[in-house]
Amino acid sequence: MLQPGERYRWQGAGPQFDPATGQPQFDHAMAAEMVGKYVLVGITYYADKDTAVHEHPTGHKQCHGDVVRVSEQEGIVMRLRHSGQEYVFPPDFRSLQKAEPGEYTLRSTKEVVLNPDYVCTWCVHGQGNRQQWDAI
């Protein structure tokens, strides 16, 4: 469950994580590169933190927008193209991949997204974390 004021919580370990904080090492070069990029995002929800990613998801969501700013404290701030609303994702670049040029069709709305710069996916575990992501 997220604590008041928390936007996200990290889970993981390894060389890309800071052992003191348990958070991913922030990539300043990637942060600078991301500003102005068009990103297609896929989010998959799971019932709780112990659900494996190959087990039954409880929902899916897709969105797309332009990155307006990135910081270690605030995260990746994206302006959604369908609403103009700003939305914040954790400042973790491991889920981002350069997108192949072309058309991407959103499952839920059948909207066609043309030539995003990046695609990324997130898995959200637990209902306490879901409310933050549901605002999209």
N, C-alpha and C. Protein backbone atom coordinates (compact mmCIF):
# COMPACT_ATOMS: atom_id res chain seq x y z
N MET A 1 0.85 -1.18 0.00
CA MET A 1 0.00 0.00 0.00
C MET A 1 0.89 1.24 0.00
N LEU A 2 0.56 2.19 -0.85
CA LEU A 2 1.30 3.44 -0.89
C LEU A 2 0.98 4.27 0.34
N GLN A 3 1.98 4.95 0.84
CA GLN A 3 1.82 5.85 1.98
C GLN A 3 1.37 7.21 1.46
N PRO A 4 0.73 8.04 2.31
CA PRO A 4 0.34 9.37 1.86
C PRO A 4 1.55 10.13 1.28
N GLY A 5 1.35 10.73 0.13
CA GLY A 5 2.41 11.49 -0.52
C GLY A 5 3.27 10.66 -1.46
N GLU A 6 3.19 9.32 -1.39
CA GLU A 6 3.96 8.47 -2.28
C GLU A 6 3.25 8.34 -3.62
N ARG A 7 4.01 8.41 -4.71
CA ARG A 7 3.45 8.20 -6.04
C ARG A 7 3.72 6.80 -6.53
N TYR A 8 4.79 6.20 -6.05
CA TYR A 8 5.18 4.87 -6.47
C TYR A 8 6.09 4.28 -5.41
N ARG A 9 6.27 2.99 -5.44
CA ARG A 9 7.17 2.31 -4.53
C ARG A 9 7.97 1.30 -5.34
N TRP A 10 9.26 1.26 -5.10
CA TRP A 10 10.16 0.38 -5.83
C TRP A 10 10.18 -1.01 -5.22
N GLN A 11 10.33 -2.00 -6.07
CA GLN A 11 10.58 -3.36 -5.64
C GLN A 11 11.67 -3.91 -6.53
N GLY A 12 12.75 -4.35 -5.94
CA GLY A 12 13.80 -4.92 -6.75
C GLY A 12 15.17 -4.77 -6.12
N ALA A 13 16.12 -5.43 -6.70
CA ALA A 13 17.51 -5.35 -6.24
C ALA A 13 18.39 -5.73 -7.42
N GLY A 14 19.66 -5.42 -7.31
CA GLY A 14 20.59 -5.74 -8.38
C GLY A 14 21.53 -4.59 -8.61
N PRO A 15 22.41 -4.71 -9.59
CA PRO A 15 23.43 -3.69 -9.80
C PRO A 15 22.86 -2.33 -10.21
N GLN A 16 21.68 -2.31 -10.82
CA GLN A 16 21.11 -1.03 -11.23
C GLN A 16 20.39 -0.34 -10.08
N PHE A 17 20.34 -0.94 -8.89
CA PHE A 17 19.68 -0.35 -7.73
C PHE A 17 20.70 0.18 -6.75
N ASP A 18 20.37 1.31 -6.16
CA ASP A 18 21.20 1.91 -5.11
C ASP A 18 20.97 1.10 -3.83
N PRO A 19 22.02 0.48 -3.27
CA PRO A 19 21.82 -0.36 -2.09
C PRO A 19 21.34 0.43 -0.87
N ALA A 20 21.64 1.71 -0.81
CA ALA A 20 21.23 2.52 0.34
C ALA A 20 19.74 2.83 0.33
N THR A 21 19.19 3.09 -0.87
CA THR A 21 17.78 3.49 -0.96
C THR A 21 16.86 2.40 -1.50
N GLY A 22 17.43 1.42 -2.20
CA GLY A 22 16.62 0.40 -2.84
C GLY A 22 15.96 0.89 -4.11
N GLN A 23 16.29 2.10 -4.56
CA GLN A 23 15.71 2.66 -5.78
C GLN A 23 16.68 2.50 -6.94
N PRO A 24 16.14 2.48 -8.16
CA PRO A 24 17.02 2.39 -9.33
C PRO A 24 17.94 3.60 -9.40
N GLN A 25 19.12 3.39 -9.93
CA GLN A 25 20.05 4.50 -10.17
C GLN A 25 19.41 5.40 -11.23
N PHE A 26 19.41 6.69 -11.00
CA PHE A 26 18.80 7.63 -11.94
C PHE A 26 19.77 7.92 -13.07
N ASP A 27 19.29 7.84 -14.30
CA ASP A 27 20.11 8.06 -15.49
C ASP A 27 19.85 9.47 -16.00
N HIS A 28 20.74 10.41 -15.67
CA HIS A 28 20.56 11.81 -16.04
C HIS A 28 20.59 12.01 -17.56
N ALA A 29 21.43 11.27 -18.27
CA ALA A 29 21.50 11.40 -19.73
C ALA A 29 20.18 10.95 -20.37
N MET A 30 19.63 9.85 -19.89
CA MET A 30 18.36 9.37 -20.43
C MET A 30 17.24 10.34 -20.09
N ALA A 31 17.28 10.91 -18.89
CA ALA A 31 16.27 11.89 -18.50
C ALA A 31 16.25 13.06 -19.47
N ALA A 32 17.42 13.58 -19.81
CA ALA A 32 17.51 14.70 -20.74
C ALA A 32 17.02 14.31 -22.13
N GLU A 33 17.32 13.09 -22.55
CA GLU A 33 16.90 12.61 -23.87
C GLU A 33 15.38 12.45 -23.96
N MET A 34 14.72 12.12 -22.86
CA MET A 34 13.29 11.83 -22.87
C MET A 34 12.40 13.05 -23.06
N VAL A 35 12.86 14.22 -22.65
CA VAL A 35 12.02 15.41 -22.74
C VAL A 35 11.65 15.68 -24.20
N GLY A 36 10.35 15.81 -24.44
CA GLY A 36 9.85 16.04 -25.79
C GLY A 36 9.52 14.78 -26.56
N LYS A 37 9.83 13.62 -26.01
CA LYS A 37 9.57 12.37 -26.72
C LYS A 37 8.11 11.96 -26.55
N TYR A 38 7.60 11.28 -27.57
CA TYR A 38 6.23 10.77 -27.61
C TYR A 38 6.28 9.31 -27.15
N VAL A 39 5.49 8.97 -26.11
CA VAL A 39 5.56 7.65 -25.48
C VAL A 39 4.19 6.99 -25.45
N LEU A 40 4.17 5.73 -25.82
CA LEU A 40 2.99 4.87 -25.70
C LEU A 40 3.20 3.98 -24.49
N VAL A 41 2.23 3.99 -23.56
CA VAL A 41 2.36 3.29 -22.29
C VAL A 41 1.29 2.22 -22.17
N GLY A 42 1.68 1.02 -21.73
CA GLY A 42 0.75 -0.05 -21.41
C GLY A 42 0.88 -0.39 -19.94
N ILE A 43 -0.25 -0.49 -19.25
CA ILE A 43 -0.26 -0.82 -17.82
C ILE A 43 -1.10 -2.07 -17.62
N THR A 44 -0.55 -3.04 -16.89
CA THR A 44 -1.29 -4.26 -16.55
C THR A 44 -1.42 -4.31 -15.04
N TYR A 45 -2.64 -4.57 -14.56
CA TYR A 45 -2.91 -4.63 -13.13
C TYR A 45 -3.00 -6.08 -12.67
N TYR A 46 -2.46 -6.33 -11.47
CA TYR A 46 -2.56 -7.63 -10.82
C TYR A 46 -3.14 -7.45 -9.44
N ALA A 47 -3.82 -8.49 -8.94
CA ALA A 47 -4.58 -8.38 -7.70
C ALA A 47 -3.73 -7.98 -6.49
N ASP A 48 -2.57 -8.55 -6.35
CA ASP A 48 -1.75 -8.21 -5.18
C ASP A 48 -0.28 -8.30 -5.52
N LYS A 49 0.55 -7.90 -4.57
CA LYS A 49 1.99 -7.82 -4.82
C LYS A 49 2.64 -9.18 -5.04
N ASP A 50 1.96 -10.25 -4.64
CA ASP A 50 2.53 -11.59 -4.78
C ASP A 50 2.12 -12.28 -6.08
N THR A 51 1.28 -11.64 -6.89
CA THR A 51 0.83 -12.24 -8.14
C THR A 51 1.96 -12.20 -9.16
N ALA A 52 2.29 -13.34 -9.72
CA ALA A 52 3.33 -13.40 -10.76
C ALA A 52 2.80 -12.78 -12.05
N VAL A 53 3.71 -12.20 -12.82
CA VAL A 53 3.27 -11.48 -14.02
C VAL A 53 2.62 -12.38 -15.07
N HIS A 54 2.85 -13.66 -15.03
CA HIS A 54 2.21 -14.54 -16.01
C HIS A 54 0.84 -15.03 -15.54
N GLU A 55 0.49 -14.69 -14.28
CA GLU A 55 -0.82 -15.09 -13.77
C GLU A 55 -1.89 -14.09 -14.20
N HIS A 56 -3.10 -14.35 -13.84
CA HIS A 56 -4.27 -13.62 -14.32
C HIS A 56 -4.25 -12.14 -13.95
N PRO A 57 -4.14 -11.26 -14.95
CA PRO A 57 -4.23 -9.83 -14.65
C PRO A 57 -5.68 -9.45 -14.35
N THR A 58 -5.86 -8.37 -13.59
CA THR A 58 -7.20 -7.88 -13.26
C THR A 58 -7.63 -6.73 -14.16
N GLY A 59 -6.72 -6.23 -14.99
CA GLY A 59 -7.09 -5.16 -15.90
C GLY A 59 -5.91 -4.66 -16.71
N HIS A 60 -6.22 -3.87 -17.72
CA HIS A 60 -5.21 -3.29 -18.61
C HIS A 60 -5.61 -1.84 -18.89
N LYS A 61 -4.63 -1.02 -19.19
CA LYS A 61 -4.87 0.36 -19.58
C LYS A 61 -3.76 0.79 -20.52
N GLN A 62 -4.07 1.63 -21.46
CA GLN A 62 -3.08 2.18 -22.38
C GLN A 62 -3.28 3.69 -22.47
N CYS A 63 -2.18 4.41 -22.64
CA CYS A 63 -2.25 5.85 -22.83
C CYS A 63 -1.04 6.28 -23.64
N HIS A 64 -1.05 7.52 -24.09
CA HIS A 64 0.09 8.02 -24.85
C HIS A 64 0.17 9.53 -24.67
N GLY A 65 1.40 10.03 -24.74
CA GLY A 65 1.58 11.46 -24.58
C GLY A 65 3.04 11.86 -24.76
N ASP A 66 3.29 13.12 -24.49
CA ASP A 66 4.62 13.70 -24.67
C ASP A 66 5.26 13.96 -23.31
N VAL A 67 6.52 13.61 -23.18
CA VAL A 67 7.24 13.84 -21.93
C VAL A 67 7.56 15.33 -21.84
N VAL A 68 7.13 15.95 -20.74
CA VAL A 68 7.34 17.39 -20.57
C VAL A 68 8.49 17.70 -19.61
N ARG A 69 8.77 16.78 -18.69
CA ARG A 69 9.92 16.95 -17.79
C ARG A 69 10.20 15.63 -17.10
N VAL A 70 11.44 15.50 -16.64
CA VAL A 70 11.86 14.28 -15.94
C VAL A 70 12.80 14.70 -14.82
N SER A 71 12.55 14.18 -13.63
CA SER A 71 13.48 14.41 -12.53
C SER A 71 13.46 13.20 -11.62
N GLU A 72 14.52 13.06 -10.87
CA GLU A 72 14.63 11.95 -9.93
C GLU A 72 13.55 12.04 -8.86
N GLN A 73 13.20 13.25 -8.46
CA GLN A 73 12.21 13.44 -7.39
C GLN A 73 10.79 13.31 -7.91
N GLU A 74 10.50 13.93 -9.05
CA GLU A 74 9.13 13.94 -9.55
C GLU A 74 8.79 12.73 -10.40
N GLY A 75 9.74 12.23 -11.17
CA GLY A 75 9.49 11.11 -12.06
C GLY A 75 9.44 11.57 -13.51
N ILE A 76 8.83 10.73 -14.36
CA ILE A 76 8.65 11.03 -15.77
C ILE A 76 7.26 11.65 -15.91
N VAL A 77 7.21 12.93 -16.25
CA VAL A 77 5.93 13.64 -16.35
C VAL A 77 5.56 13.72 -17.83
N MET A 78 4.41 13.16 -18.14
CA MET A 78 3.94 13.07 -19.52
C MET A 78 2.62 13.82 -19.64
N ARG A 79 2.44 14.60 -20.70
CA ARG A 79 1.16 15.25 -20.97
C ARG A 79 0.39 14.32 -21.90
N LEU A 80 -0.74 13.81 -21.41
CA LEU A 80 -1.54 12.88 -22.19
C LEU A 80 -2.17 13.59 -23.38
N ARG A 81 -2.08 12.98 -24.54
CA ARG A 81 -2.59 13.62 -25.76
C ARG A 81 -4.11 13.68 -25.80
N HIS A 82 -4.80 12.72 -25.21
CA HIS A 82 -6.26 12.73 -25.29
C HIS A 82 -6.91 13.73 -24.35
N SER A 83 -6.21 14.14 -23.28
CA SER A 83 -6.83 15.02 -22.29
C SER A 83 -6.03 16.27 -21.97
N GLY A 84 -4.74 16.26 -22.29
CA GLY A 84 -3.89 17.38 -21.91
C GLY A 84 -3.44 17.32 -20.45
N GLN A 85 -3.93 16.33 -19.73
CA GLN A 85 -3.61 16.15 -18.32
C GLN A 85 -2.17 15.66 -18.17
N GLU A 86 -1.48 16.13 -17.13
CA GLU A 86 -0.15 15.61 -16.84
C GLU A 86 -0.28 14.34 -16.01
N TYR A 87 0.56 13.38 -16.32
CA TYR A 87 0.56 12.12 -15.59
C TYR A 87 2.00 11.75 -15.27
N VAL A 88 2.23 11.22 -14.08
CA VAL A 88 3.58 10.94 -13.61
C VAL A 88 3.81 9.43 -13.52
N PHE A 89 4.95 9.00 -14.09
CA PHE A 89 5.40 7.62 -13.98
C PHE A 89 6.70 7.60 -13.19
N PRO A 90 7.03 6.50 -12.57
CA PRO A 90 8.30 6.43 -11.83
C PRO A 90 9.49 6.73 -12.74
N PRO A 91 10.55 7.33 -12.19
CA PRO A 91 11.72 7.68 -13.00
C PRO A 91 12.65 6.48 -13.21
N ASP A 92 12.08 5.43 -13.77
CA ASP A 92 12.78 4.18 -14.00
C ASP A 92 12.72 3.91 -15.50
N PHE A 93 13.85 3.99 -16.17
CA PHE A 93 13.89 3.91 -17.63
C PHE A 93 14.01 2.48 -18.16
N ARG A 94 14.08 1.50 -17.28
CA ARG A 94 14.26 0.11 -17.73
C ARG A 94 13.08 -0.40 -18.54
N SER A 95 11.90 0.17 -18.34
CA SER A 95 10.73 -0.33 -19.08
C SER A 95 10.58 0.32 -20.45
N LEU A 96 11.38 1.34 -20.75
CA LEU A 96 11.28 2.05 -22.03
C LEU A 96 12.07 1.33 -23.12
N GLN A 97 11.46 1.24 -24.29
CA GLN A 97 12.14 0.69 -25.46
C GLN A 97 11.84 1.61 -26.64
N LYS A 98 12.83 1.83 -27.50
CA LYS A 98 12.58 2.62 -28.71
C LYS A 98 11.50 1.91 -29.52
N ALA A 99 10.56 2.69 -30.00
CA ALA A 99 9.45 2.11 -30.77
C ALA A 99 9.82 1.98 -32.24
N GLU A 100 9.34 0.94 -32.85
CA GLU A 100 9.46 0.79 -34.30
C GLU A 100 8.49 1.78 -34.94
N PRO A 101 8.87 2.44 -36.03
CA PRO A 101 7.94 3.35 -36.71
C PRO A 101 6.69 2.57 -37.16
N GLY A 102 5.55 3.24 -37.07
CA GLY A 102 4.33 2.60 -37.54
C GLY A 102 3.11 2.99 -36.73
N GLU A 103 2.04 2.23 -36.96
CA GLU A 103 0.77 2.46 -36.30
C GLU A 103 0.60 1.46 -35.17
N TYR A 104 0.15 1.96 -34.03
CA TYR A 104 -0.14 1.13 -32.86
C TYR A 104 -1.60 1.39 -32.49
N THR A 105 -2.40 0.33 -32.41
CA THR A 105 -3.82 0.47 -32.10
C THR A 105 -4.07 0.13 -30.64
N LEU A 106 -4.69 1.07 -29.91
CA LEU A 106 -5.01 0.84 -28.51
C LEU A 106 -6.14 -0.18 -28.42
N ARG A 107 -5.97 -1.16 -27.55
CA ARG A 107 -6.97 -2.23 -27.43
C ARG A 107 -8.35 -1.72 -27.01
N SER A 108 -8.37 -0.86 -26.00
CA SER A 108 -9.65 -0.47 -25.42
C SER A 108 -10.44 0.51 -26.28
N THR A 109 -9.77 1.43 -26.96
CA THR A 109 -10.47 2.48 -27.70
C THR A 109 -10.35 2.35 -29.21
N LYS A 110 -9.46 1.49 -29.66
CA LYS A 110 -9.16 1.32 -31.09
C LYS A 110 -8.52 2.57 -31.69
N GLU A 111 -8.11 3.52 -30.84
CA GLU A 111 -7.40 4.71 -31.31
C GLU A 111 -6.07 4.29 -31.91
N VAL A 112 -5.66 4.94 -32.98
CA VAL A 112 -4.40 4.62 -33.64
C VAL A 112 -3.35 5.66 -33.22
N VAL A 113 -2.25 5.17 -32.70
CA VAL A 113 -1.12 6.00 -32.29
C VAL A 113 -0.07 5.88 -33.39
N LEU A 114 0.36 7.00 -33.94
CA LEU A 114 1.32 6.99 -35.04
C LEU A 114 2.73 7.33 -34.56
N ASN A 115 3.64 6.46 -34.86
CA ASN A 115 5.07 6.70 -34.69
C ASN A 115 5.52 7.25 -33.34
N PRO A 116 5.18 6.57 -32.24
CA PRO A 116 5.73 7.03 -30.96
C PRO A 116 7.24 6.83 -30.95
N ASP A 117 7.92 7.63 -30.15
CA ASP A 117 9.37 7.48 -30.03
C ASP A 117 9.73 6.27 -29.16
N TYR A 118 8.92 6.05 -28.11
CA TYR A 118 9.18 4.96 -27.17
C TYR A 118 7.88 4.25 -26.83
N VAL A 119 8.00 3.01 -26.43
CA VAL A 119 6.91 2.26 -25.81
C VAL A 119 7.42 1.80 -24.45
N CYS A 120 6.50 1.68 -23.51
CA CYS A 120 6.89 1.14 -22.20
C CYS A 120 5.72 0.40 -21.59
N THR A 121 6.03 -0.50 -20.70
CA THR A 121 5.00 -1.26 -20.01
C THR A 121 5.27 -1.21 -18.51
N TRP A 122 4.19 -1.22 -17.77
CA TRP A 122 4.27 -1.24 -16.31
C TRP A 122 3.33 -2.33 -15.80
N CYS A 123 3.74 -2.99 -14.73
CA CYS A 123 2.89 -3.93 -14.02
C CYS A 123 2.61 -3.33 -12.64
N VAL A 124 1.33 -3.20 -12.31
CA VAL A 124 0.92 -2.63 -11.04
C VAL A 124 0.34 -3.76 -10.20
N HIS A 125 0.96 -3.99 -9.05
CA HIS A 125 0.55 -5.08 -8.17
C HIS A 125 -0.14 -4.52 -6.94
N GLY A 126 -1.37 -4.95 -6.71
CA GLY A 126 -2.12 -4.56 -5.51
C GLY A 126 -3.07 -3.41 -5.76
N GLN A 127 -4.23 -3.49 -5.14
CA GLN A 127 -5.25 -2.48 -5.32
C GLN A 127 -4.84 -1.13 -4.76
N GLY A 128 -4.02 -1.11 -3.71
CA GLY A 128 -3.58 0.16 -3.13
C GLY A 128 -2.77 0.97 -4.11
N ASN A 129 -2.03 0.30 -5.00
CA ASN A 129 -1.25 1.01 -5.99
C ASN A 129 -2.10 1.40 -7.20
N ARG A 130 -3.19 0.71 -7.41
CA ARG A 130 -3.98 0.91 -8.63
C ARG A 130 -4.64 2.28 -8.68
N GLN A 131 -5.08 2.80 -7.54
CA GLN A 131 -5.82 4.06 -7.58
C GLN A 131 -5.00 5.18 -8.20
N GLN A 132 -3.70 5.21 -7.98
CA GLN A 132 -2.85 6.23 -8.56
C GLN A 132 -2.81 6.12 -10.08
N TRP A 133 -2.77 4.91 -10.58
CA TRP A 133 -2.67 4.68 -12.03
C TRP A 133 -4.03 4.83 -12.72
N ASP A 134 -5.12 4.70 -11.97
CA ASP A 134 -6.45 4.76 -12.58
C ASP A 134 -6.84 6.14 -13.06
N ALA A 135 -6.10 7.16 -12.68
CA ALA A 135 -6.45 8.52 -13.07
C ALA A 135 -6.26 8.79 -14.55
N ILE A 136 -5.63 7.87 -15.27
CA ILE A 136 -5.37 8.08 -16.71
C ILE A 136 -6.68 8.08 -17.47
